[in-house]
Amino acid sequence: MGATAPNPPVGCAILDADGTILTVAAHHRAGAAH
């Protein structure tokens, strides 16, 4: 938060079929990967 404007801060987690978290990421700044 505070680095993404004018985009919103967003977080994403990817899980396997059993619900185990494999990875977590967030949007860092405008122009960078979502």
All heavy atoms as atom14 arrays in JSON, in Angstrom:
{
  "sequence": "MGATAPNPPVGCAILDADGTILTVAAHHRAGAAH",
  "atom14_mask": [
    [1, 1, 1, 1, 1, 1, 1, 1, 0, 0, 0, 0, 0, 0],
    [1, 1, 1, 1, 0, 0, 0, 0, 0, 0, 0, 0, 0, 0],
    [1, 1, 1, 1, 1, 0, 0, 0, 0, 0, 0, 0, 0, 0],
    [1, 1, 1, 1, 1, 1, 1, 0, 0, 0, 0, 0, 0, 0],
    [1, 1, 1, 1, 1, 0, 0, 0, 0, 0, 0, 0, 0, 0],
    [1, 1, 1, 1, 1, 1, 1, 0, 0, 0, 0, 0, 0, 0],
    [1, 1, 1, 1, 1, 1, 1, 1, 0, 0, 0, 0, 0, 0],
    [1, 1, 1, 1, 1, 1, 1, 0, 0, 0, 0, 0, 0, 0],
    [1, 1, 1, 1, 1, 1, 1, 0, 0, 0, 0, 0, 0, 0],
    [1, 1, 1, 1, 1, 1, 1, 0, 0, 0, 0, 0, 0, 0],
    [1, 1, 1, 1, 0, 0, 0, 0, 0, 0, 0, 0, 0, 0],
    [1, 1, 1, 1, 1, 1, 0, 0, 0, 0, 0, 0, 0, 0],
    [1, 1, 1, 1, 1, 0, 0, 0, 0, 0, 0, 0, 0, 0],
    [1, 1, 1, 1, 1, 1, 1, 1, 0, 0, 0, 0, 0, 0],
    [1, 1, 1, 1, 1, 1, 1, 1, 0, 0, 0, 0, 0, 0],
    [1, 1, 1, 1, 1, 1, 1, 1, 0, 0, 0, 0, 0, 0],
    [1, 1, 1, 1, 1, 0, 0, 0, 0, 0, 0, 0, 0, 0],
    [1, 1, 1, 1, 1, 1, 1, 1, 0, 0, 0, 0, 0, 0],
    [1, 1, 1, 1, 0, 0, 0, 0, 0, 0, 0, 0, 0, 0],
    [1, 1, 1, 1, 1, 1, 1, 0, 0, 0, 0, 0, 0, 0],
    [1, 1, 1, 1, 1, 1, 1, 1, 0, 0, 0, 0, 0, 0],
    [1, 1, 1, 1, 1, 1, 1, 1, 0, 0, 0, 0, 0, 0],
    [1, 1, 1, 1, 1, 1, 1, 0, 0, 0, 0, 0, 0, 0],
    [1, 1, 1, 1, 1, 1, 1, 0, 0, 0, 0, 0, 0, 0],
    [1, 1, 1, 1, 1, 0, 0, 0, 0, 0, 0, 0, 0, 0],
    [1, 1, 1, 1, 1, 0, 0, 0, 0, 0, 0, 0, 0, 0],
    [1, 1, 1, 1, 1, 1, 1, 1, 1, 1, 0, 0, 0, 0],
    [1, 1, 1, 1, 1, 1, 1, 1, 1, 1, 0, 0, 0, 0],
    [1, 1, 1, 1, 1, 1, 1, 1, 1, 1, 1, 0, 0, 0],
    [1, 1, 1, 1, 1, 0, 0, 0, 0, 0, 0, 0, 0, 0],
    [1, 1, 1, 1, 0, 0, 0, 0, 0, 0, 0, 0, 0, 0],
    [1, 1, 1, 1, 1, 0, 0, 0, 0, 0, 0, 0, 0, 0],
    [1, 1, 1, 1, 1, 0, 0, 0, 0, 0, 0, 0, 0, 0],
    [1, 1, 1, 1, 1, 1, 1, 1, 1, 1, 0, 0, 0, 0]
  ],
  "atom14_positions": [
    [[0.85, -1.19, 0.0], [0.0, 0.0, 0.0], [0.89, 1.24, 0.0], [1.84, 1.34, 0.75], [-0.91, 0.0, 1.23], [-1.99, -1.06, 1.2], [-2.97, -1.12, 2.74], [-4.08, 0.26, 2.45], [0.0, 0.0, 0.0], [0.0, 0.0, 0.0], [0.0, 0.0, 0.0], [0.0, 0.0, 0.0], [0.0, 0.0, 0.0], [0.0, 0.0, 0.0]],
    [[0.56, 2.18, -0.85], [1.36, 3.39, -0.97], [2.33, 3.37, -2.13], [2.95, 4.39, -2.42], [0.0, 0.0, 0.0], [0.0, 0.0, 0.0], [0.0, 0.0, 0.0], [0.0, 0.0, 0.0], [0.0, 0.0, 0.0], [0.0, 0.0, 0.0], [0.0, 0.0, 0.0], [0.0, 0.0, 0.0], [0.0, 0.0, 0.0], [0.0, 0.0, 0.0]],
    [[2.45, 2.24, -2.8], [3.39, 2.13, -3.92], [2.69, 1.82, -5.24], [3.34, 1.8, -6.28], [4.44, 1.06, -3.64], [0.0, 0.0, 0.0], [0.0, 0.0, 0.0], [0.0, 0.0, 0.0], [0.0, 0.0, 0.0], [0.0, 0.0, 0.0], [0.0, 0.0, 0.0], [0.0, 0.0, 0.0], [0.0, 0.0, 0.0], [0.0, 0.0, 0.0]],
    [[1.37, 1.57, -5.23], [0.7, 1.07, -6.43], [-0.06, 2.12, -7.23], [-0.48, 1.86, -8.35], [-0.29, -0.05, -6.07], [-1.34, 0.49, -5.25], [0.4, -1.18, -5.32], [0.0, 0.0, 0.0], [0.0, 0.0, 0.0], [0.0, 0.0, 0.0], [0.0, 0.0, 0.0], [0.0, 0.0, 0.0], [0.0, 0.0, 0.0], [0.0, 0.0, 0.0]],
    [[-0.29, 3.31, -6.65], [-1.11, 4.32, -7.33], [-0.57, 4.63, -8.73], [0.65, 4.64, -8.94], [-1.15, 5.6, -6.5], [0.0, 0.0, 0.0], [0.0, 0.0, 0.0], [0.0, 0.0, 0.0], [0.0, 0.0, 0.0], [0.0, 0.0, 0.0], [0.0, 0.0, 0.0], [0.0, 0.0, 0.0], [0.0, 0.0, 0.0], [0.0, 0.0, 0.0]],
    [[-1.45, 4.84, -9.7], [-2.91, 4.93, -9.57], [-3.64, 3.59, -9.6], [-4.87, 3.58, -9.73], [-3.3, 5.77, -10.78], [-2.29, 5.38, -11.83], [-1.0, 5.16, -11.07], [0.0, 0.0, 0.0], [0.0, 0.0, 0.0], [0.0, 0.0, 0.0], [0.0, 0.0, 0.0], [0.0, 0.0, 0.0], [0.0, 0.0, 0.0], [0.0, 0.0, 0.0]],
    [[-2.94, 2.5, -9.49], [-3.58, 1.19, -9.39], [-3.9, 0.88, -7.93], [-3.26, 1.4, -7.02], [-2.66, 0.09, -9.94], [-2.41, 0.22, -11.42], [-3.12, 0.93, -12.13], [-1.4, -0.48, -11.91], [0.0, 0.0, 0.0], [0.0, 0.0, 0.0], [0.0, 0.0, 0.0], [0.0, 0.0, 0.0], [0.0, 0.0, 0.0], [0.0, 0.0, 0.0]],
    [[-4.86, -0.01, -7.69], [-5.16, -0.4, -6.31], [-4.18, -1.46, -5.82], [-3.57, -2.18, -6.62], [-6.56, -1.01, -6.42], [-6.58, -1.59, -7.81], [-5.77, -0.65, -8.67], [0.0, 0.0, 0.0], [0.0, 0.0, 0.0], [0.0, 0.0, 0.0], [0.0, 0.0, 0.0], [0.0, 0.0, 0.0], [0.0, 0.0, 0.0], [0.0, 0.0, 0.0]],
    [[-4.0, -1.58, -4.52], [-3.23, -2.71, -3.98], [-4.05, -3.99, -4.1], [-5.25, -3.99, -3.83], [-3.01, -2.32, -2.51], [-4.11, -1.38, -2.19], [-4.47, -0.67, -3.47], [0.0, 0.0, 0.0], [0.0, 0.0, 0.0], [0.0, 0.0, 0.0], [0.0, 0.0, 0.0], [0.0, 0.0, 0.0], [0.0, 0.0, 0.0], [0.0, 0.0, 0.0]],
    [[-3.41, -5.05, -4.54], [-4.09, -6.33, -4.76], [-3.16, -7.46, -4.33], [-1.95, -7.39, -4.59], [-4.48, -6.54, -6.24], [-5.23, -7.86, -6.43], [-5.34, -5.38, -6.74], [0.0, 0.0, 0.0], [0.0, 0.0, 0.0], [0.0, 0.0, 0.0], [0.0, 0.0, 0.0], [0.0, 0.0, 0.0], [0.0, 0.0, 0.0], [0.0, 0.0, 0.0]],
    [[-3.72, -8.48, -3.7], [-2.95, -9.66, -3.33], [-3.57, -10.91, -3.92], [-4.78, -10.97, -4.17], [0.0, 0.0, 0.0], [0.0, 0.0, 0.0], [0.0, 0.0, 0.0], [0.0, 0.0, 0.0], [0.0, 0.0, 0.0], [0.0, 0.0, 0.0], [0.0, 0.0, 0.0], [0.0, 0.0, 0.0], [0.0, 0.0, 0.0], [0.0, 0.0, 0.0]],
    [[-2.74, -11.91, -4.16], [-3.21, -13.18, -4.75], [-2.44, -14.33, -4.12], [-1.23, -14.27, -3.95], [-2.99, -13.16, -6.26], [-3.4, -14.72, -7.1], [0.0, 0.0, 0.0], [0.0, 0.0, 0.0], [0.0, 0.0, 0.0], [0.0, 0.0, 0.0], [0.0, 0.0, 0.0], [0.0, 0.0, 0.0], [0.0, 0.0, 0.0], [0.0, 0.0, 0.0]],
    [[-3.16, -15.4, -3.8], [-2.54, -16.65, -3.35], [-2.97, -17.76, -4.29], [-4.12, -17.8, -4.73], [-2.97, -16.98, -1.91], [0.0, 0.0, 0.0], [0.0, 0.0, 0.0], [0.0, 0.0, 0.0], [0.0, 0.0, 0.0], [0.0, 0.0, 0.0], [0.0, 0.0, 0.0], [0.0, 0.0, 0.0], [0.0, 0.0, 0.0], [0.0, 0.0, 0.0]],
    [[-2.06, -18.66, -4.6], [-2.36, -19.82, -5.42], [-2.25, -21.07, -4.56], [-1.27, -21.25, -3.82], [-1.42, -19.91, -6.63], [-1.67, -18.71, -7.56], [-1.62, -21.22, -7.39], [-0.78, -18.66, -8.77], [0.0, 0.0, 0.0], [0.0, 0.0, 0.0], [0.0, 0.0, 0.0], [0.0, 0.0, 0.0], [0.0, 0.0, 0.0], [0.0, 0.0, 0.0]],
    [[-3.27, -21.92, -4.64], [-3.37, -23.1, -3.8], [-3.42, -24.36, -4.67], [-3.8, -24.3, -5.85], [-4.63, -23.06, -2.94], [-4.76, -22.05, -1.81], [-4.76, -20.61, -2.32], [-6.03, -22.31, -1.02], [0.0, 0.0, 0.0], [0.0, 0.0, 0.0], [0.0, 0.0, 0.0], [0.0, 0.0, 0.0], [0.0, 0.0, 0.0], [0.0, 0.0, 0.0]],
    [[-3.06, -25.5, -4.07], [-3.29, -26.76, -4.76], [-4.71, -27.24, -4.47], [-5.49, -26.58, -3.77], [-2.22, -27.8, -4.39], [-2.29, -28.25, -2.93], [-3.29, -27.97, -2.24], [-1.32, -28.89, -2.48], [0.0, 0.0, 0.0], [0.0, 0.0, 0.0], [0.0, 0.0, 0.0], [0.0, 0.0, 0.0], [0.0, 0.0, 0.0], [0.0, 0.0, 0.0]],
    [[-5.06, -28.4, -4.99], [-6.43, -28.89, -4.87], [-6.83, -29.17, -3.42], [-8.03, -29.18, -3.1], [-6.6, -30.15, -5.72], [0.0, 0.0, 0.0], [0.0, 0.0, 0.0], [0.0, 0.0, 0.0], [0.0, 0.0, 0.0], [0.0, 0.0, 0.0], [0.0, 0.0, 0.0], [0.0, 0.0, 0.0], [0.0, 0.0, 0.0], [0.0, 0.0, 0.0]],
    [[-5.85, -29.39, -2.54], [-6.14, -29.63, -1.13], [-6.2, -28.36, -0.31], [-6.47, -28.4, 0.89], [-5.09, -30.57, -0.54], [-5.13, -31.96, -1.16], [-6.25, -32.42, -1.47], [-4.05, -32.55, -1.34], [0.0, 0.0, 0.0], [0.0, 0.0, 0.0], [0.0, 0.0, 0.0], [0.0, 0.0, 0.0], [0.0, 0.0, 0.0], [0.0, 0.0, 0.0]],
    [[-5.9, -27.22, -0.92], [-5.94, -25.95, -0.21], [-4.62, -25.53, 0.39], [-4.57, -24.56, 1.16], [0.0, 0.0, 0.0], [0.0, 0.0, 0.0], [0.0, 0.0, 0.0], [0.0, 0.0, 0.0], [0.0, 0.0, 0.0], [0.0, 0.0, 0.0], [0.0, 0.0, 0.0], [0.0, 0.0, 0.0], [0.0, 0.0, 0.0], [0.0, 0.0, 0.0]],
    [[-3.54, -26.22, 0.05], [-2.21, -25.81, 0.51], [-1.74, -24.62, -0.31], [-1.8, -24.64, -1.55], [-1.21, -26.97, 0.37], [-1.65, -28.07, 1.15], [0.18, -26.54, 0.83], [0.0, 0.0, 0.0], [0.0, 0.0, 0.0], [0.0, 0.0, 0.0], [0.0, 0.0, 0.0], [0.0, 0.0, 0.0], [0.0, 0.0, 0.0], [0.0, 0.0, 0.0]],
    [[-1.27, -23.58, 0.36], [-0.8, -22.4, -0.34], [0.54, -22.69, -1.02], [1.49, -23.12, -0.37], [-0.64, -21.2, 0.63], [-2.0, -20.81, 1.21], [0.0, -20.01, -0.08], [-1.94, -19.72, 2.25], [0.0, 0.0, 0.0], [0.0, 0.0, 0.0], [0.0, 0.0, 0.0], [0.0, 0.0, 0.0], [0.0, 0.0, 0.0], [0.0, 0.0, 0.0]],
    [[0.6, -22.46, -2.32], [1.83, -22.67, -3.08], [2.66, -21.4, -3.18], [3.89, -21.44, -3.08], [1.5, -23.17, -4.49], [0.67, -24.46, -4.58], [0.4, -24.79, -6.05], [1.39, -25.62, -3.9], [0.0, 0.0, 0.0], [0.0, 0.0, 0.0], [0.0, 0.0, 0.0], [0.0, 0.0, 0.0], [0.0, 0.0, 0.0], [0.0, 0.0, 0.0]],
    [[2.01, -20.27, -3.36], [2.72, -19.0, -3.47], [1.76, -17.85, -3.21], [0.54, -18.0, -3.38], [3.37, -18.85, -4.87], [4.23, -17.73, -4.89], [2.31, -18.69, -5.95], [0.0, 0.0, 0.0], [0.0, 0.0, 0.0], [0.0, 0.0, 0.0], [0.0, 0.0, 0.0], [0.0, 0.0, 0.0], [0.0, 0.0, 0.0], [0.0, 0.0, 0.0]],
    [[2.31, -16.73, -2.8], [1.54, -15.52, -2.51], [2.27, -14.35, -3.16], [3.5, -14.25, -3.07], [1.38, -15.27, -0.99], [0.54, -14.01, -0.74], [0.76, -16.48, -0.3], [0.0, 0.0, 0.0], [0.0, 0.0, 0.0], [0.0, 0.0, 0.0], [0.0, 0.0, 0.0], [0.0, 0.0, 0.0], [0.0, 0.0, 0.0], [0.0, 0.0, 0.0]],
    [[1.53, -13.46, -3.78], [2.15, -12.29, -4.42], [1.2, -11.11, -4.34], [0.01, -11.26, -4.03], [2.49, -12.6, -5.88], [0.0, 0.0, 0.0], [0.0, 0.0, 0.0], [0.0, 0.0, 0.0], [0.0, 0.0, 0.0], [0.0, 0.0, 0.0], [0.0, 0.0, 0.0], [0.0, 0.0, 0.0], [0.0, 0.0, 0.0], [0.0, 0.0, 0.0]],
    [[1.74, -9.94, -4.64], [0.94, -8.72, -4.67], [1.42, -7.83, -5.79], [2.56, -7.95, -6.27], [1.04, -7.97, -3.33], [0.0, 0.0, 0.0], [0.0, 0.0, 0.0], [0.0, 0.0, 0.0], [0.0, 0.0, 0.0], [0.0, 0.0, 0.0], [0.0, 0.0, 0.0], [0.0, 0.0, 0.0], [0.0, 0.0, 0.0], [0.0, 0.0, 0.0]],
    [[0.56, -6.92, -6.21], [0.96, -5.9, -7.18], [1.91, -4.93, -6.48], [1.63, -4.45, -5.38], [-0.28, -5.16, -7.67], [-0.02, -4.12, -8.7], [0.79, -4.34, -9.8], [-0.45, -2.84, -8.82], [0.83, -3.25, -10.54], [0.09, -2.32, -9.97], [0.0, 0.0, 0.0], [0.0, 0.0, 0.0], [0.0, 0.0, 0.0], [0.0, 0.0, 0.0]],
    [[3.05, -4.64, -7.11], [4.07, -3.8, -6.49], [3.96, -2.34, -6.87], [4.1, -1.46, -6.01], [5.47, -4.31, -6.86], [5.81, -5.61, -6.22], [7.08, -6.15, -6.26], [5.07, -6.5, -5.51], [7.11, -7.31, -5.62], [5.88, -7.54, -5.16], [0.0, 0.0, 0.0], [0.0, 0.0, 0.0], [0.0, 0.0, 0.0], [0.0, 0.0, 0.0]],
    [[3.72, -2.05, -8.14], [3.62, -0.66, -8.59], [3.03, -0.65, -9.98], [3.06, -1.67, -10.69], [4.99, 0.04, -8.59], [6.05, -0.62, -9.44], [7.38, 0.13, -9.38], [7.8, 0.34, -8.0], [8.49, -0.56, -7.29], [8.79, -1.74, -7.84], [8.85, -0.29, -6.05], [0.0, 0.0, 0.0], [0.0, 0.0, 0.0], [0.0, 0.0, 0.0]],
    [[2.5, 0.51, -10.39], [1.91, 0.64, -11.72], [2.94, 0.3, -12.79], [4.1, 0.73, -12.72], [1.39, 2.07, -11.92], [0.0, 0.0, 0.0], [0.0, 0.0, 0.0], [0.0, 0.0, 0.0], [0.0, 0.0, 0.0], [0.0, 0.0, 0.0], [0.0, 0.0, 0.0], [0.0, 0.0, 0.0], [0.0, 0.0, 0.0], [0.0, 0.0, 0.0]],
    [[2.52, -0.48, -13.76], [3.41, -0.91, -14.83], [4.06, -2.25, -14.56], [4.56, -2.89, -15.5], [0.0, 0.0, 0.0], [0.0, 0.0, 0.0], [0.0, 0.0, 0.0], [0.0, 0.0, 0.0], [0.0, 0.0, 0.0], [0.0, 0.0, 0.0], [0.0, 0.0, 0.0], [0.0, 0.0, 0.0], [0.0, 0.0, 0.0], [0.0, 0.0, 0.0]],
    [[4.1, -2.68, -13.29], [4.66, -3.98, -12.94], [3.56, -5.04, -13.03], [2.38, -4.72, -13.21], [5.26, -3.94, -11.54], [0.0, 0.0, 0.0], [0.0, 0.0, 0.0], [0.0, 0.0, 0.0], [0.0, 0.0, 0.0], [0.0, 0.0, 0.0], [0.0, 0.0, 0.0], [0.0, 0.0, 0.0], [0.0, 0.0, 0.0], [0.0, 0.0, 0.0]],
    [[3.96, -6.29, -12.93], [3.0, -7.39, -13.04], [1.9, -7.25, -11.99], [2.15, -6.85, -10.85], [3.72, -8.72, -12.86], [0.0, 0.0, 0.0], [0.0, 0.0, 0.0], [0.0, 0.0, 0.0], [0.0, 0.0, 0.0], [0.0, 0.0, 0.0], [0.0, 0.0, 0.0], [0.0, 0.0, 0.0], [0.0, 0.0, 0.0], [0.0, 0.0, 0.0]],
    [[0.67, -7.57, -12.4], [-0.42, -7.61, -11.45], [-0.23, -8.8, -10.5], [0.58, -9.7, -10.75], [-1.76, -7.72, -12.17], [-2.17, -6.45, -12.85], [-3.4, -6.27, -13.43], [-1.5, -5.28, -13.04], [-3.49, -5.05, -13.95], [-2.34, -4.44, -13.73], [0.0, 0.0, 0.0], [0.0, 0.0, 0.0], [0.0, 0.0, 0.0], [0.0, 0.0, 0.0]]
  ]
}
